[in-house]
């Protein structure tokens, strides 16, 4: 009696369990594709070679390292070695034994967090932590869902350099203006009479010079 009930129960749950497993696999695949599309779009935006690596499980680690540790890092923080450490750890986690696999997987996760966080601190600084967490669910950069972010996702150092150049140009213009003011004569604002540089009052109309 008990065995008959157990068989009926397992026969009922079997199709449901299979359906749930298939559903989870499909959801994982869709999220991975969206994450890869976002990572590829970001790589193309920054003109990196081989952006299609975003779809390759180990290749996307290399691409992520390039973006996080080189493209989206300041001159002082750029470190290509970290890119290769992330790539090597990701590769090792797939081919080494159980104990070393755990170490490699931990190193991979740590460096992925660092890379994601550096990217988001430049693109969406107010939501860097949120997007870093989302990236693990998507298996990549979830920016493909927001194309406006992809459009703006260039390294901010370029913007900073442009601002500095603009400021330098403004300072040059100010200096040139000062020199011109020193060279040209003053005129009375009331009557237009030419004044000497030391004049405090217009000799023609008596207007006070400010």
Protein backbone atom coordinates (compact mmCIF):
# COMPACT_ATOMS: atom_id res chain seq x y z
CA UNK A 1 0.00 0.00 0.00
CA UNK A 2 2.73 2.46 0.99
CA UNK A 3 4.81 1.60 -2.05
CA UNK A 4 1.86 2.12 -4.37
CA UNK A 5 1.26 5.58 -2.87
CA UNK A 6 4.97 6.44 -3.14
CA UNK A 7 5.04 5.39 -6.81
CA UNK A 8 2.02 7.56 -7.58
CA UNK A 9 3.59 10.50 -5.74
CA UNK A 10 6.91 10.23 -7.59
CA UNK A 11 5.12 9.74 -10.92
CA UNK A 12 3.19 12.97 -10.25
CA UNK A 13 6.25 14.99 -9.19
CA UNK A 14 8.47 13.67 -11.96
CA UNK A 15 7.02 15.77 -14.82
CA UNK A 16 6.82 18.86 -12.56
CA UNK A 17 10.47 18.51 -11.54
CA UNK A 18 11.52 18.09 -15.18
CA UNK A 19 9.47 21.14 -16.19
CA UNK A 20 11.04 23.27 -13.44
CA UNK A 21 14.55 22.15 -14.37
CA UNK A 22 13.97 22.94 -18.05
CA UNK A 23 12.45 26.31 -17.11
CA UNK A 24 15.46 27.22 -14.93
CA UNK A 25 17.86 26.20 -17.69
CA UNK A 26 16.01 28.35 -20.24
CA UNK A 27 15.95 31.34 -17.88
CA UNK A 28 19.69 30.92 -17.22
CA UNK A 29 20.43 30.77 -20.95
CA UNK A 30 18.35 33.90 -21.68
CA UNK A 31 20.00 35.87 -18.86
CA UNK A 32 23.45 34.72 -19.98
CA UNK A 33 22.72 35.89 -23.54
CA UNK A 34 21.55 39.30 -22.34
CA UNK A 35 24.64 39.62 -20.13
CA UNK A 36 26.91 38.64 -23.02
CA UNK A 37 25.19 41.13 -25.35
CA UNK A 38 25.76 43.88 -22.80
CA UNK A 39 29.41 42.94 -22.31
CA UNK A 40 29.93 42.81 -26.08
CA UNK A 41 28.23 46.20 -26.56
CA UNK A 42 30.50 47.71 -23.90
CA UNK A 43 33.58 46.18 -25.56
CA UNK A 44 32.53 47.56 -28.96
CA UNK A 45 31.85 50.98 -27.44
CA UNK A 46 35.43 51.08 -26.17
CA UNK A 47 36.81 49.58 -29.43
CA UNK A 48 38.26 46.41 -27.90
CA UNK A 49 39.38 43.56 -30.14
CA UNK A 50 37.27 40.38 -30.37
CA UNK A 51 34.10 41.59 -28.58
CA UNK A 52 32.47 38.23 -29.46
CA UNK A 53 34.48 36.71 -26.58
CA UNK A 54 31.60 37.92 -24.39
CA UNK A 55 29.71 34.74 -25.38
CA UNK A 56 32.57 32.34 -24.55
CA UNK A 57 32.56 31.24 -20.85
CA UNK A 58 36.34 31.65 -20.30
CA UNK A 59 36.84 34.28 -22.99
CA UNK A 60 34.36 36.62 -21.30
CA UNK A 61 36.57 36.61 -18.20
CA UNK A 62 39.44 37.96 -20.30
CA UNK A 63 37.17 40.59 -21.86
CA UNK A 64 35.85 41.58 -18.43
CA UNK A 65 39.41 41.92 -17.15
CA UNK A 66 40.36 44.17 -20.08
CA UNK A 67 37.42 46.45 -19.36
CA UNK A 68 37.72 46.51 -15.58
CA UNK A 69 41.47 46.55 -15.03
CA UNK A 70 42.62 48.47 -18.11
CA UNK A 71 39.91 50.45 -19.95
CA UNK A 72 37.93 51.57 -16.90
CA UNK A 73 40.92 52.20 -14.66
CA UNK A 74 42.84 55.40 -14.16
CA UNK A 75 46.47 55.59 -15.27
CA UNK A 76 47.60 54.77 -11.73
CA UNK A 77 45.25 51.74 -11.46
CA UNK A 78 45.79 50.17 -14.90
CA UNK A 79 47.20 46.68 -14.44
CA UNK A 80 47.08 44.15 -17.35
CA UNK A 81 48.44 41.49 -14.98
CA UNK A 82 45.10 41.44 -13.15
CA UNK A 83 43.38 40.70 -16.46
CA UNK A 84 45.52 37.60 -16.94
CA UNK A 85 45.05 36.51 -13.31
CA UNK A 86 41.27 36.60 -13.81
CA UNK A 87 41.56 34.72 -17.11
CA UNK A 88 43.95 32.14 -15.62
CA UNK A 89 41.80 31.56 -12.54
CA UNK A 90 38.70 31.15 -14.71
CA UNK A 91 40.52 28.63 -16.91
CA UNK A 92 41.96 26.77 -13.92
CA UNK A 93 38.52 26.42 -12.28
CA UNK A 94 37.45 24.35 -15.30
CA UNK A 95 40.43 21.99 -15.60
CA UNK A 96 42.04 21.42 -12.18
CA UNK A 97 41.08 19.04 -9.34
CA UNK A 98 38.44 19.62 -6.68
CA UNK A 99 40.61 21.37 -4.06
CA UNK A 100 42.41 23.64 -6.51
CA UNK A 101 39.13 24.18 -8.33
CA UNK A 102 37.62 25.74 -5.20
CA UNK A 103 40.60 28.09 -4.84
CA UNK A 104 40.49 29.04 -8.53
CA UNK A 105 36.74 29.64 -8.37
CA UNK A 106 37.14 31.89 -5.32
CA UNK A 107 39.90 33.90 -7.01
CA UNK A 108 37.75 34.19 -10.14
CA UNK A 109 34.76 35.53 -8.19
CA UNK A 110 36.88 38.04 -6.25
CA UNK A 111 38.51 39.45 -9.39
CA UNK A 112 35.18 39.51 -11.24
CA UNK A 113 33.68 41.59 -8.42
CA UNK A 114 36.62 44.02 -8.61
CA UNK A 115 36.37 44.29 -12.41
CA UNK A 116 32.60 44.79 -12.45
CA UNK A 117 32.81 47.36 -9.68
CA UNK A 118 35.48 49.42 -11.45
CA UNK A 119 33.38 49.50 -14.60
CA UNK A 120 30.21 50.59 -12.83
CA UNK A 121 31.98 53.20 -10.71
CA UNK A 122 32.79 55.02 -13.95
CA UNK A 123 29.47 54.49 -15.72
CA UNK A 124 26.83 54.46 -12.96
CA UNK A 125 28.64 55.51 -9.76
CA UNK A 126 25.42 55.86 -7.76
CA UNK A 127 24.35 52.27 -8.57
CA UNK A 128 27.73 50.52 -8.80
CA UNK A 129 26.95 47.95 -6.08
CA UNK A 130 23.52 47.13 -7.49
CA UNK A 131 24.85 46.53 -11.00
CA UNK A 132 27.78 44.50 -9.68
CA UNK A 133 25.31 42.09 -8.03
CA UNK A 134 23.05 42.00 -11.09
CA UNK A 135 26.01 41.07 -13.29
CA UNK A 136 26.34 37.71 -11.56
CA UNK A 137 22.69 36.87 -12.25
CA UNK A 138 23.05 37.86 -15.89
CA UNK A 139 26.45 36.24 -16.36
CA UNK A 140 27.81 39.50 -17.73
CA UNK A 141 26.96 43.19 -18.12
CA UNK A 142 23.15 43.66 -18.04
CA UNK A 143 23.40 46.95 -19.95
CA UNK A 144 21.84 45.51 -23.09
CA UNK A 145 18.48 46.06 -21.37
CA UNK A 146 19.27 49.79 -21.17
CA UNK A 147 20.79 51.03 -24.42
CA UNK A 148 21.05 54.58 -23.08
CA UNK A 149 23.64 53.35 -20.58
CA UNK A 150 25.57 51.64 -23.36
CA UNK A 151 25.64 54.90 -25.31
CA UNK A 152 27.10 56.72 -22.31
CA UNK A 153 29.45 53.90 -21.32
CA UNK A 154 32.77 55.42 -22.39
CA UNK A 155 35.59 55.78 -19.93
CA UNK A 156 35.13 58.96 -17.92
CA UNK A 157 38.85 59.82 -18.00
CA UNK A 158 38.33 61.00 -21.59
CA UNK A 159 35.68 63.44 -20.38
CA UNK A 160 37.99 64.65 -17.60
CA UNK A 161 40.80 65.27 -20.11
CA UNK A 162 38.43 67.22 -22.36
CA UNK A 163 37.30 69.36 -19.42
CA UNK A 164 40.90 70.06 -18.46
CA UNK A 165 41.67 71.13 -22.04
CA UNK A 166 38.64 73.44 -22.06
CA UNK A 167 39.73 74.99 -18.76
CA UNK A 168 43.25 75.50 -20.09
CA UNK A 169 41.85 77.23 -23.18
CA UNK A 170 39.73 79.48 -20.97
CA UNK A 171 42.80 80.48 -18.94
CA UNK A 172 44.71 81.26 -22.14
CA UNK A 173 41.85 83.46 -23.37
CA UNK A 174 41.77 85.30 -20.03
CA UNK A 175 45.51 85.96 -20.20
CA UNK A 176 45.24 87.22 -23.77
CA UNK A 177 42.35 89.50 -22.77
CA UNK A 178 44.37 90.93 -19.91
CA UNK A 179 47.29 91.64 -22.24
CA UNK A 180 45.00 93.37 -24.73
CA UNK A 181 43.51 95.53 -22.00
CA UNK A 182 46.98 96.60 -20.96
CA UNK A 183 47.97 97.49 -24.51
CA UNK A 184 44.92 99.41 -25.68
CA UNK A 185 44.09 102.99 -24.39
CA UNK A 186 41.15 103.78 -22.13
CA UNK A 187 38.29 105.97 -23.26
CA UNK A 188 35.77 107.91 -21.26
CA UNK A 189 32.44 106.09 -21.08
CA UNK A 190 30.58 109.40 -21.02
CA UNK A 191 32.10 111.41 -23.88
CA UNK A 192 34.48 108.99 -25.55
CA UNK A 193 37.55 111.15 -24.91
CA UNK A 194 40.88 109.29 -24.91
CA UNK A 195 42.31 108.90 -21.40
CA UNK A 196 45.74 108.26 -20.02
CA UNK A 197 46.25 105.07 -17.97
CA UNK A 198 46.69 107.07 -14.76
CA UNK A 199 43.66 109.37 -15.30
CA UNK A 200 41.05 109.36 -12.52
CA UNK A 201 38.79 111.98 -14.12
CA UNK A 202 38.06 112.75 -17.78
CA UNK A 203 39.79 116.04 -18.67
CA UNK A 204 37.05 116.78 -21.21
CA UNK A 205 33.79 116.21 -19.27
CA UNK A 206 34.97 115.57 -15.70
CA UNK A 207 33.47 112.08 -15.54
CA UNK A 208 35.02 109.97 -12.75
CA UNK A 209 36.92 107.00 -14.13
CA UNK A 210 36.24 103.71 -12.37
